[in-house]
Amino acid sequence: MTATRKTSTTSESGRTGRTGEPAAPRDESTAHLDSSAHLMNRISSRLAHQLRLVQPDGRLRTHRPALVAVAHGSRDPRALETVRALLDRVRELRPGLPVSLGHIELNAPLLPDTLAELDARGTGSAVLVPLLLSRGYHVKRDIPEMAATARVRTRVAAPLGPHPLLVDTLYERLVEAGWDPHATAAERRASAVVLAAAGSRDPESRLDTGRTAALLAHRLGVPVLPAYASSATPTVPEAIRTLTSRGRTRVALASCFTAPGRFATECAAAAPWIAASPLGAHDKMAHLLLHRYDEALTAVPKPAASRKLTPA
């Protein structure tokens, strides 16, 4: 039996039909509309992508995580002025890095408001750098809980202390107040320093402050005794009495406070000799903020602690 094979016939447009009949030519206007629609879709898609990179004010959105300095807050207006000056120095050291400020309490903007504003600007992530000098309730609980409510992705950096740059700043503030780095051996034997800090019930806060005191003692070559403005002992007057009872008649006070405020003022008033200024907008503190920011970007995230924390 001979198989019957279907044949195709080439149409005028070059296409063939399966039954041998010429295929109907495609309407040129339809083909033109299809290609135009495809082109418009591509243009719209690319334009939407470009617009997502632009903020409402016309500036390009940044993909670099913002640095958010988290201050405690104070009713003393000098505190806010000092923190703002410190952040201005940070911006000078790292041009192009978005730097913002948020407070835990007492001052505006509060941290949740700062994070909401960053989200409105299109910022995708931020590193929160506590302007605190040891671990404690604020670093472990307050700041993470505030950050957890934000749409912006966040990670919390380590507090500013202990760290050699912090010790350098404490040392230089003491020298500014009158500490003689070239004191004789006899003068050193009569000298000591009280390191005044805010204080916390968290034992890790005491460990951090004690470590800072040990580093400062090594730098100065004299005893340095930590003391606290609240929530921990010894107090500054108690620490001074302890040192004088040991024959240290020249007791200076190092102010382990980020900025002026009630605690710093009260501690300085108790000093029997020289009292250093708070850390303030010192250049090394600005470098320390950036170091903590960079450190947080490269750190492996740790699981949240499950143990109950003791309030400061």
Protein backbone atom coordinates (compact mmCIF):
# COMPACT_ATOMS: atom_id res chain seq x y z
CA MET A 1 0.00 0.00 0.00
CA THR A 2 1.33 3.38 -0.93
CA ALA A 3 1.29 6.01 1.85
CA THR A 4 -0.29 9.27 1.03
CA ARG A 5 1.93 12.22 2.01
CA LYS A 6 0.58 15.68 2.65
CA THR A 7 2.38 18.40 0.81
CA SER A 8 2.96 21.99 1.70
CA THR A 9 2.78 24.88 -0.60
CA THR A 10 4.75 28.02 0.00
CA SER A 11 2.55 31.07 0.35
CA GLU A 12 3.31 34.46 -1.08
CA SER A 13 4.62 35.56 2.30
CA GLY A 14 6.97 32.58 2.57
CA ARG A 15 4.82 30.55 5.00
CA THR A 16 3.11 27.24 4.18
CA GLY A 17 -0.08 25.63 5.38
CA ARG A 18 -0.25 21.99 6.46
CA THR A 19 -3.03 21.23 3.97
CA GLY A 20 -1.08 22.71 1.13
CA GLU A 21 -3.07 25.89 1.19
CA PRO A 22 -1.16 29.15 1.55
CA ALA A 23 -1.18 30.52 5.16
CA ALA A 24 -2.97 33.79 5.57
CA PRO A 25 -0.47 36.63 5.67
CA ARG A 26 -0.07 38.28 9.14
CA ASP A 27 -1.50 41.75 9.33
CA GLU A 28 1.46 44.18 9.45
CA SER A 29 -0.37 46.62 11.71
CA THR A 30 -0.92 43.87 14.33
CA ALA A 31 2.76 42.91 14.27
CA HIS A 32 3.70 46.55 14.67
CA LEU A 33 1.39 46.95 17.67
CA ASP A 34 2.81 43.81 19.33
CA SER A 35 6.39 45.01 19.01
CA SER A 36 5.45 48.50 20.21
CA ALA A 37 3.70 47.09 23.30
CA HIS A 38 6.72 44.93 24.08
CA LEU A 39 9.01 47.94 23.78
CA MET A 40 6.77 50.05 26.01
CA ASN A 41 6.69 47.31 28.65
CA ARG A 42 10.49 47.19 28.69
CA ILE A 43 10.73 50.97 28.98
CA SER A 44 8.16 51.05 31.81
CA SER A 45 9.94 48.28 33.68
CA ARG A 46 13.32 49.98 33.47
CA LEU A 47 11.84 53.36 34.41
CA ALA A 48 10.15 51.87 37.49
CA HIS A 49 13.46 50.33 38.54
CA GLN A 50 15.25 53.66 38.19
CA LEU A 51 12.55 55.49 40.11
CA ARG A 52 12.95 53.07 43.03
CA LEU A 53 16.54 54.30 43.32
CA VAL A 54 15.43 57.92 43.78
CA GLN A 55 14.18 59.45 47.03
CA PRO A 56 11.15 61.79 47.07
CA ASP A 57 13.50 64.79 47.28
CA GLY A 58 15.37 63.69 44.16
CA ARG A 59 18.47 62.24 45.86
CA LEU A 60 19.60 58.72 45.10
CA ARG A 61 18.71 56.11 47.70
CA THR A 62 21.72 54.59 49.39
CA HIS A 63 22.35 50.87 49.68
CA ARG A 64 24.91 51.44 52.45
CA PRO A 65 23.43 50.82 55.92
CA ALA A 66 22.84 54.05 57.78
CA LEU A 67 24.65 54.74 61.03
CA VAL A 68 22.21 55.60 63.79
CA ALA A 69 23.86 56.88 66.96
CA VAL A 70 21.67 56.01 69.94
CA ALA A 71 22.02 58.44 72.84
CA HIS A 72 20.40 58.03 76.23
CA GLY A 73 18.91 61.52 76.32
CA SER A 74 19.24 64.27 78.91
CA ARG A 75 17.37 67.29 80.20
CA ASP A 76 20.65 69.21 80.05
CA PRO A 77 20.67 71.07 76.70
CA ARG A 78 24.46 70.76 76.54
CA ALA A 79 24.10 67.01 76.06
CA LEU A 80 22.20 67.28 72.78
CA GLU A 81 24.55 69.99 71.51
CA THR A 82 27.55 67.80 72.29
CA VAL A 83 26.13 64.71 70.61
CA ARG A 84 25.25 66.67 67.49
CA ALA A 85 28.80 68.05 67.34
CA LEU A 86 30.17 64.51 67.67
CA LEU A 87 28.02 63.29 64.78
CA ASP A 88 29.11 66.22 62.64
CA ARG A 89 32.68 65.02 63.13
CA VAL A 90 31.64 61.48 62.15
CA ARG A 91 30.15 62.83 58.91
CA GLU A 92 33.39 64.68 58.17
CA LEU A 93 35.39 61.48 58.64
CA ARG A 94 33.06 59.37 56.46
CA PRO A 95 31.55 61.53 53.69
CA GLY A 96 28.52 59.95 52.08
CA LEU A 97 27.63 57.77 55.05
CA PRO A 98 24.07 58.50 56.23
CA VAL A 99 24.31 59.42 59.92
CA SER A 100 21.26 59.92 62.14
CA LEU A 101 20.51 60.33 65.84
CA GLY A 102 17.89 58.62 67.98
CA HIS A 103 17.32 58.77 71.75
CA ILE A 104 16.20 56.18 74.26
CA GLU A 105 14.31 58.80 76.27
CA LEU A 106 14.06 62.48 77.25
CA ASN A 107 15.07 64.00 73.89
CA ALA A 108 13.68 64.05 70.36
CA PRO A 109 13.94 62.31 68.07
CA LEU A 110 13.31 59.06 69.88
CA LEU A 111 14.88 56.01 68.27
CA PRO A 112 11.60 54.59 66.85
CA ASP A 113 10.89 57.95 65.19
CA THR A 114 14.37 58.04 63.65
CA LEU A 115 13.94 54.54 62.23
CA ALA A 116 10.49 55.41 60.86
CA GLU A 117 11.96 58.45 59.11
CA LEU A 118 14.73 56.32 57.59
CA ASP A 119 12.11 53.91 56.28
CA ALA A 120 10.15 56.80 54.74
CA ARG A 121 13.33 57.88 52.94
CA GLY A 122 13.77 54.41 51.52
CA THR A 123 16.68 53.35 53.71
CA GLY A 124 16.74 49.57 53.83
CA SER A 125 19.03 48.90 56.78
CA ALA A 126 20.84 50.60 59.64
CA VAL A 127 23.50 49.92 62.25
CA LEU A 128 22.57 51.23 65.70
CA VAL A 129 25.65 52.41 67.59
CA PRO A 130 24.91 53.01 71.30
CA LEU A 131 26.56 56.14 72.68
CA LEU A 132 26.92 54.18 75.91
CA LEU A 133 30.17 53.16 77.54
CA SER A 134 29.39 49.66 78.78
CA ARG A 135 26.92 46.85 78.41
CA GLY A 136 23.70 47.07 80.41
CA TYR A 137 19.91 47.11 80.21
CA HIS A 138 19.74 49.81 77.54
CA VAL A 139 22.11 47.97 75.20
CA LYS A 140 20.67 44.53 75.84
CA ARG A 141 16.96 45.25 76.06
CA ASP A 142 15.78 48.81 75.32
CA ILE A 143 17.55 49.35 72.01
CA PRO A 144 16.81 45.88 70.53
CA GLU A 145 13.15 46.13 71.52
CA MET A 146 12.79 49.54 69.88
CA ALA A 147 14.55 48.27 66.77
CA ALA A 148 12.29 45.21 66.57
CA THR A 149 9.26 47.39 65.84
CA ALA A 150 10.90 49.13 62.86
CA ARG A 151 10.48 48.22 59.19
CA VAL A 152 14.14 49.05 58.59
CA ARG A 153 16.50 46.09 59.01
CA THR A 154 18.78 46.78 61.96
CA ARG A 155 21.72 45.41 63.87
CA VAL A 156 23.00 46.74 67.19
CA ALA A 157 26.70 47.50 67.52
CA ALA A 158 28.71 47.04 70.71
CA PRO A 159 28.79 49.94 73.20
CA LEU A 160 31.74 52.31 73.01
CA GLY A 161 33.55 50.80 75.97
CA PRO A 162 35.79 49.26 76.85
CA HIS A 163 38.15 50.18 74.01
CA PRO A 164 41.63 51.74 73.67
CA LEU A 165 40.19 54.75 71.83
CA LEU A 166 37.93 55.42 74.80
CA VAL A 167 40.93 55.22 77.12
CA ASP A 168 42.89 57.59 74.88
CA THR A 169 40.06 60.10 75.13
CA LEU A 170 39.83 59.79 78.93
CA TYR A 171 43.58 60.31 79.16
CA GLU A 172 43.56 63.40 76.96
CA ARG A 173 40.64 64.93 78.86
CA LEU A 174 42.60 64.48 82.09
CA VAL A 175 45.65 66.17 80.57
CA GLU A 176 43.43 69.05 79.44
CA ALA A 177 42.21 69.39 83.04
CA GLY A 178 45.73 69.64 84.43
CA TRP A 179 47.08 66.10 84.76
CA ASP A 180 50.85 66.20 84.27
CA PRO A 181 52.01 63.38 81.97
CA HIS A 182 55.59 64.12 83.05
CA ALA A 183 54.98 63.96 86.80
CA THR A 184 57.84 62.85 89.03
CA ALA A 185 57.86 59.44 90.69
CA ALA A 186 57.01 61.07 94.03
CA GLU A 187 54.03 62.85 92.51
CA ARG A 188 52.79 59.62 90.95
CA ARG A 189 53.01 57.83 94.29
CA ALA A 190 50.69 60.47 95.72
CA SER A 191 48.28 60.46 92.78
CA ALA A 192 45.25 58.38 91.78
CA VAL A 193 42.15 58.67 89.62
CA VAL A 194 38.48 57.96 90.17
CA LEU A 195 36.74 56.83 86.96
CA ALA A 196 33.22 58.17 87.33
CA ALA A 197 30.53 56.31 85.35
CA ALA A 198 26.74 56.25 85.30
CA GLY A 199 26.30 52.86 86.97
CA SER A 200 24.07 49.85 86.37
CA ARG A 201 22.77 46.79 88.21
CA ASP A 202 23.95 44.63 85.33
CA PRO A 203 27.16 42.85 86.40
CA GLU A 204 28.52 43.01 82.84
CA SER A 205 28.35 46.79 83.03
CA ARG A 206 30.61 46.71 86.09
CA LEU A 207 33.00 44.36 84.28
CA ASP A 208 33.23 46.74 81.32
CA THR A 209 33.82 49.80 83.51
CA GLY A 210 36.41 47.90 85.52
CA ARG A 211 38.19 46.95 82.32
CA THR A 212 38.24 50.59 81.20
CA ALA A 213 39.65 51.59 84.60
CA ALA A 214 42.39 48.96 84.32
CA LEU A 215 43.37 50.18 80.84
CA LEU A 216 43.46 53.78 82.04
CA ALA A 217 45.58 52.82 85.08
CA HIS A 218 48.08 51.16 82.77
CA ARG A 219 48.19 54.30 80.63
CA LEU A 220 48.62 56.68 83.59
CA GLY A 221 50.83 54.55 85.82
CA VAL A 222 48.67 55.22 88.90
CA PRO A 223 45.70 53.44 90.52
CA VAL A 224 42.30 54.06 88.90
CA LEU A 225 39.21 53.13 90.90
CA PRO A 226 35.77 52.90 89.23
CA ALA A 227 32.89 54.73 90.91
CA TYR A 228 29.27 55.25 90.01
CA ALA A 229 26.66 57.98 89.99
CA SER A 230 23.76 55.56 90.59
CA SER A 231 22.68 51.91 90.85
CA ALA A 232 26.11 50.60 91.86
CA THR A 233 28.88 51.07 94.39
CA PRO A 234 31.22 52.58 95.30
CA THR A 235 29.98 56.11 94.84
CA VAL A 236 32.46 58.80 93.84
CA PRO A 237 32.85 60.15 97.43
CA GLU A 238 33.38 56.58 98.69
CA ALA A 239 36.06 55.90 96.08
CA ILE A 240 37.83 59.16 96.94
CA ARG A 241 37.89 58.23 100.64
CA THR A 242 39.29 54.80 99.81
CA LEU A 243 42.14 56.28 97.76
CA THR A 244 43.01 58.99 100.28
CA SER A 245 43.12 56.38 103.05
CA ARG A 246 45.83 54.66 101.02
CA GLY A 247 47.94 57.80 100.96
CA ARG A 248 46.80 59.09 97.58
CA THR A 249 46.43 62.78 98.33
CA ARG A 250 46.13 63.92 94.69
CA VAL A 251 42.92 62.30 93.45
CA ALA A 252 41.71 63.34 90.01
CA LEU A 253 38.36 62.51 88.46
CA ALA A 254 37.99 61.07 84.94
CA SER A 255 34.51 61.64 83.52
CA CYS A 256 33.31 58.48 81.75
CA PHE A 257 30.23 60.19 80.34
CA THR A 258 29.49 60.82 76.68
CA ALA A 259 28.24 64.35 77.26
CA PRO A 260 27.52 66.87 80.01
CA GLY A 261 24.53 66.14 82.20
CA ARG A 262 23.37 65.76 85.79
CA PHE A 263 25.52 62.73 86.61
CA ALA A 264 28.67 64.25 85.12
CA THR A 265 28.10 67.53 86.96
CA GLU A 266 27.47 65.86 90.34
CA CYS A 267 30.52 63.62 90.04
CA ALA A 268 32.79 66.51 89.05
CA ALA A 269 31.60 68.53 92.05
CA ALA A 270 32.88 65.80 94.38
CA ALA A 271 36.43 65.86 92.99
CA PRO A 272 39.01 67.03 95.56
CA TRP A 273 41.55 67.96 92.88
CA ILE A 274 41.16 68.15 89.10
CA ALA A 275 38.05 66.96 87.27
CA ALA A 276 38.16 66.16 83.57
CA SER A 277 35.41 67.11 81.15
CA PRO A 278 33.10 64.45 79.66
CA LEU A 279 34.25 62.70 76.51
CA GLY A 280 32.24 64.96 74.20
CA ALA A 281 33.01 65.52 70.52
CA HIS A 282 36.62 64.36 70.79
CA ASP A 283 38.10 63.24 67.48
CA LYS A 284 38.92 59.78 68.84
CA MET A 285 35.34 59.26 69.94
CA ALA A 286 34.23 59.93 66.36
CA HIS A 287 36.72 57.32 65.16
CA LEU A 288 35.40 54.92 67.80
CA LEU A 289 31.81 55.33 66.55
CA LEU A 290 32.91 54.46 63.03
CA HIS A 291 34.93 51.51 64.32
CA ARG A 292 31.85 50.10 66.06
CA TYR A 293 29.80 50.65 62.88
CA ASP A 294 32.32 48.82 60.71
CA GLU A 295 32.70 46.08 63.31
CA ALA A 296 28.94 45.45 63.38
CA LEU A 297 28.79 45.13 59.58
CA THR A 298 31.29 42.27 59.62
CA ALA A 299 30.18 40.56 62.83
CA VAL A 300 28.27 37.28 62.75
CA PRO A 301 24.80 37.94 64.27
CA LYS A 302 24.38 36.32 67.68
CA PRO A 303 21.16 34.60 68.80
CA ALA A 304 19.06 36.61 71.20
CA ALA A 305 19.76 35.89 74.85
CA SER A 306 16.98 33.99 76.55
CA ARG A 307 17.89 34.78 80.15
CA LYS A 308 16.06 37.43 82.11
CA LEU A 309 17.87 40.76 82.28
CA THR A 310 18.15 42.91 85.35
CA PRO A 311 17.09 46.54 84.75
CA ALA A 312 19.75 49.21 85.16
